[in-house]
Amino acid sequence: MINQLPTIPQAWSRAWSSRSFRNQFALTLLLFVGVSLHQFHFLRLWQLRPGIQVNDLILNFLPPHDFSMPIFFFEYSTMLMVFIFLLPIPERLIKGIQMFALILFARTVTIYLFPLEPPRDMIFLNDPMASFFLHTKDIVVTKDLFFSGHVSAITLLFLVTTDRWLKKYAAVAAILVSGMIMCQHVHYSMDVLFGTLISYAAYKLVFYFHTQTKYGLELEEA
């Protein structure tokens, strides 16, 4: 992975020579920022809604424990390494951001359609990134439940990387994060399951779009 770093300028120079890439780069960043701000805004509003508390048989067998630090470590170490790995492959990086934007949009819709109360005995997940972007002085969001953002994000990181060793690390991290999320009672087990499924669906949908339509990036075969 480190050996690829010197190729980054050449890869981006080649990509930037493509009009299709330039257009998608701009539109993708605008879409991602717009979807993110849209989600942050509505999650704060929906925090005030009453929701349904689910009797989760799996969580009932798991005594709650605070795993905030290891969740943060595995989530963001994987994100950083995958980002570095994808820098020499700009077209795949752009596709990954498109997938993530699609996941954020889907998550905003499902949270609206399925209002839930946090699991009993939930231990608040202390995530500095979420605290910076999502929470405010007056509102701490805990009802962004169906489906899990952390699990969907780390599943997507596993899917988009093609490096063998990094893929193994991402797979282990995804399993550990999913388990610790449930052990901390931050999410219901169905939130974790659907987080994985939605990520896979977004991954397949974006690659299908690029391979089956005239708007796909021509720099990489999916």
Protein backbone atom coordinates (compact mmCIF):
# COMPACT_ATOMS: atom_id res chain seq x y z
CA MET A 1 0.00 0.00 0.00
CA ILE A 2 2.78 2.45 0.90
CA ASN A 3 4.57 1.57 -2.33
CA GLN A 4 1.63 2.99 -4.28
CA LEU A 5 1.95 6.50 -2.83
CA PRO A 6 4.46 7.80 -5.44
CA THR A 7 1.96 6.94 -8.19
CA ILE A 8 -0.75 9.23 -6.81
CA PRO A 9 0.14 12.36 -8.84
CA GLN A 10 0.27 10.41 -12.10
CA ALA A 11 -3.01 8.64 -11.34
CA TRP A 12 -4.84 11.88 -10.59
CA SER A 13 -3.31 13.62 -13.60
CA ARG A 14 -4.57 10.81 -15.81
CA ALA A 15 -8.00 10.85 -14.17
CA TRP A 16 -8.31 14.63 -14.36
CA SER A 17 -7.73 14.52 -18.12
CA SER A 18 -11.09 12.76 -18.40
CA ARG A 19 -14.09 15.06 -18.68
CA SER A 20 -16.31 12.33 -17.27
CA PHE A 21 -14.12 12.07 -14.19
CA ARG A 22 -14.04 15.84 -13.63
CA ASN A 23 -17.83 16.04 -13.86
CA GLN A 24 -18.36 13.12 -11.52
CA PHE A 25 -15.76 14.38 -9.07
CA ALA A 26 -17.60 17.71 -8.68
CA LEU A 27 -21.08 16.19 -8.61
CA THR A 28 -20.05 13.46 -6.18
CA LEU A 29 -18.60 15.90 -3.65
CA LEU A 30 -21.67 18.15 -3.90
CA LEU A 31 -23.96 15.15 -3.48
CA PHE A 32 -22.02 13.80 -0.52
CA VAL A 33 -21.97 17.14 1.33
CA GLY A 34 -25.65 17.74 0.58
CA VAL A 35 -26.77 14.30 1.74
CA SER A 36 -24.63 14.57 4.90
CA LEU A 37 -26.01 17.98 5.89
CA HIS A 38 -29.53 16.80 5.10
CA GLN A 39 -29.10 13.79 7.40
CA PHE A 40 -27.54 15.76 10.26
CA HIS A 41 -30.40 18.28 10.14
CA PHE A 42 -33.21 15.74 10.21
CA LEU A 43 -31.63 13.40 12.77
CA ARG A 44 -31.57 16.29 15.23
CA LEU A 45 -35.24 17.01 14.54
CA TRP A 46 -36.26 13.36 14.79
CA GLN A 47 -34.48 12.94 18.11
CA LEU A 48 -37.56 14.58 19.67
CA ARG A 49 -39.98 12.00 18.20
CA PRO A 50 -41.28 9.11 20.30
CA GLY A 51 -40.27 5.74 18.96
CA ILE A 52 -40.72 2.01 19.50
CA GLN A 53 -38.45 0.07 21.83
CA VAL A 54 -37.69 -3.39 20.49
CA ASN A 55 -37.34 -6.47 22.66
CA ASP A 56 -34.13 -7.77 21.10
CA LEU A 57 -33.53 -11.38 22.13
CA ILE A 58 -29.85 -11.21 21.17
CA LEU A 59 -29.15 -8.03 23.14
CA ASN A 60 -30.97 -9.55 26.14
CA PHE A 61 -28.13 -12.08 26.43
CA LEU A 62 -25.37 -9.46 26.16
CA PRO A 63 -24.53 -7.51 29.33
CA PRO A 64 -23.80 -3.90 28.28
CA HIS A 65 -20.17 -2.80 28.21
CA ASP A 66 -18.49 0.36 26.98
CA PHE A 67 -16.41 -0.33 23.84
CA SER A 68 -16.28 3.26 22.60
CA MET A 69 -12.50 3.42 22.31
CA PRO A 70 -11.93 0.15 20.38
CA ILE A 71 -14.93 0.90 18.12
CA PHE A 72 -13.44 4.31 17.33
CA PHE A 73 -10.00 2.80 16.71
CA PHE A 74 -11.11 0.03 14.35
CA GLU A 75 -13.61 2.22 12.50
CA TYR A 76 -11.29 5.11 11.75
CA SER A 77 -8.05 3.18 11.35
CA THR A 78 -9.78 1.14 8.65
CA MET A 79 -11.18 4.30 7.06
CA LEU A 80 -7.75 5.96 6.99
CA MET A 81 -5.98 2.93 5.50
CA VAL A 82 -8.63 2.34 2.85
CA PHE A 83 -8.56 6.02 1.90
CA ILE A 84 -4.76 5.89 1.47
CA PHE A 85 -5.08 2.69 -0.55
CA LEU A 86 -7.67 4.26 -2.87
CA LEU A 87 -5.77 7.51 -3.47
CA PRO A 88 -3.81 5.99 -6.41
CA ILE A 89 -7.14 4.70 -7.82
CA PRO A 90 -9.17 7.93 -8.06
CA GLU A 91 -12.03 6.45 -10.08
CA ARG A 92 -12.61 3.76 -7.44
CA LEU A 93 -12.36 6.37 -4.69
CA ILE A 94 -15.07 8.44 -6.38
CA LYS A 95 -17.27 5.38 -6.70
CA GLY A 96 -16.74 4.63 -3.01
CA ILE A 97 -17.87 8.13 -2.05
CA GLN A 98 -20.93 7.69 -4.26
CA MET A 99 -21.72 4.45 -2.45
CA PHE A 100 -21.34 6.15 0.92
CA ALA A 101 -23.64 9.01 -0.14
CA LEU A 102 -26.24 6.45 -1.21
CA ILE A 103 -25.96 4.72 2.16
CA LEU A 104 -26.43 8.03 4.00
CA PHE A 105 -29.51 8.81 1.92
CA ALA A 106 -30.97 5.34 2.54
CA ARG A 107 -30.25 5.65 6.26
CA THR A 108 -32.04 9.00 6.45
CA VAL A 109 -35.11 7.45 4.82
CA THR A 110 -35.18 4.32 7.01
CA ILE A 111 -34.69 6.28 10.24
CA TYR A 112 -37.68 8.42 9.25
CA LEU A 113 -39.82 5.40 8.36
CA PHE A 114 -38.91 3.34 11.43
CA PRO A 115 -38.69 5.57 14.54
CA LEU A 116 -37.09 3.61 17.36
CA GLU A 117 -36.12 4.22 20.95
CA PRO A 118 -32.58 3.22 21.95
CA PRO A 119 -32.11 -0.28 23.41
CA ARG A 120 -32.49 -0.68 27.14
CA ASP A 121 -29.25 -0.23 29.05
CA MET A 122 -27.66 1.54 26.09
CA ILE A 123 -24.21 2.93 26.84
CA PHE A 124 -23.67 6.11 24.82
CA LEU A 125 -21.10 5.66 22.06
CA ASN A 126 -18.46 8.33 22.56
CA ASP A 127 -17.41 9.03 18.97
CA PRO A 128 -15.52 12.35 18.59
CA MET A 129 -16.33 12.55 14.88
CA ALA A 130 -20.06 12.12 15.48
CA SER A 131 -19.89 14.58 18.36
CA PHE A 132 -18.31 17.18 16.09
CA PHE A 133 -20.65 16.81 13.10
CA LEU A 134 -23.93 15.53 14.56
CA HIS A 135 -24.45 16.41 18.20
CA THR A 136 -25.01 19.95 19.46
CA LYS A 137 -24.87 21.58 22.88
CA ASP A 138 -28.62 21.06 23.24
CA ILE A 139 -29.25 17.84 21.30
CA VAL A 140 -27.42 14.52 21.57
CA VAL A 141 -28.68 12.14 18.89
CA THR A 142 -29.32 8.58 20.08
CA LYS A 143 -32.31 7.59 17.91
CA ASP A 144 -30.40 7.23 14.63
CA LEU A 145 -30.88 3.49 14.86
CA PHE A 146 -32.23 1.68 11.80
CA PHE A 147 -29.71 0.98 10.35
CA SER A 148 -26.25 1.27 11.95
CA GLY A 149 -24.04 3.94 10.41
CA HIS A 150 -20.84 2.54 11.89
CA VAL A 151 -21.51 -0.98 10.62
CA SER A 152 -22.60 0.13 7.15
CA ALA A 153 -19.53 2.34 6.79
CA ILE A 154 -17.00 -0.29 7.82
CA THR A 155 -18.72 -2.91 5.66
CA LEU A 156 -18.39 -0.59 2.68
CA LEU A 157 -14.69 -0.11 3.45
CA PHE A 158 -14.26 -3.88 3.33
CA LEU A 159 -16.06 -4.05 -0.01
CA VAL A 160 -14.25 -1.24 -1.83
CA THR A 161 -10.68 -2.25 -1.03
CA THR A 162 -8.98 -4.83 -3.23
CA ASP A 163 -5.70 -5.18 -1.30
CA ARG A 164 -5.60 -8.67 0.19
CA TRP A 165 -4.15 -7.81 3.58
CA LEU A 166 -6.17 -4.64 3.99
CA LYS A 167 -9.32 -6.56 3.09
CA LYS A 168 -8.54 -9.08 5.83
CA TYR A 169 -8.01 -6.27 8.34
CA ALA A 170 -11.26 -4.61 7.28
CA ALA A 171 -13.14 -7.91 7.58
CA VAL A 172 -11.88 -8.48 11.12
CA ALA A 173 -12.61 -4.85 12.02
CA ALA A 174 -16.15 -5.13 10.63
CA ILE A 175 -16.86 -8.24 12.67
CA LEU A 176 -15.42 -6.72 15.85
CA VAL A 177 -17.21 -3.40 15.43
CA SER A 178 -20.53 -5.15 14.77
CA GLY A 179 -20.14 -7.26 17.89
CA MET A 180 -19.03 -4.38 20.10
CA ILE A 181 -21.85 -2.15 18.82
CA MET A 182 -24.34 -4.77 20.03
CA CYS A 183 -22.48 -5.45 23.28
CA GLN A 184 -22.65 -1.74 24.06
CA HIS A 185 -26.39 -1.82 23.28
CA VAL A 186 -25.94 1.13 20.92
CA HIS A 187 -27.96 -0.62 18.18
CA TYR A 188 -30.39 -3.47 17.88
CA SER A 189 -29.17 -6.61 16.14
CA MET A 190 -31.44 -5.85 13.16
CA ASP A 191 -29.69 -2.46 12.78
CA VAL A 192 -26.37 -4.25 12.45
CA LEU A 193 -27.70 -6.84 10.00
CA PHE A 194 -29.37 -4.30 7.74
CA GLY A 195 -26.32 -2.02 7.91
CA THR A 196 -24.34 -4.80 6.24
CA LEU A 197 -27.04 -5.56 3.67
CA ILE A 198 -27.58 -1.92 2.67
CA SER A 199 -23.84 -1.43 2.17
CA TYR A 200 -23.66 -4.43 -0.13
CA ALA A 201 -26.70 -3.19 -2.07
CA ALA A 202 -25.16 0.29 -2.47
CA TYR A 203 -21.86 -1.25 -3.60
CA LYS A 204 -23.54 -3.38 -6.27
CA LEU A 205 -25.88 -0.60 -7.40
CA VAL A 206 -23.13 1.96 -8.00
CA PHE A 207 -20.99 -0.50 -9.95
CA TYR A 208 -24.04 -1.55 -11.96
CA PHE A 209 -24.69 2.11 -12.81
CA HIS A 210 -21.12 2.59 -13.99
CA THR A 211 -21.01 -0.56 -16.11
CA GLN A 212 -24.52 -0.46 -17.57
CA THR A 213 -25.04 3.22 -18.39
CA LYS A 214 -23.27 5.75 -20.58
CA TYR A 215 -22.56 7.87 -17.49
CA GLY A 216 -20.10 5.42 -15.94
CA LEU A 217 -16.45 6.26 -15.42
CA GLU A 218 -14.39 4.77 -18.24
CA LEU A 219 -11.10 4.70 -16.33
CA GLU A 220 -11.74 1.47 -14.47
CA GLU A 221 -13.48 -1.77 -15.19
CA ALA A 222 -15.76 -2.59 -12.24
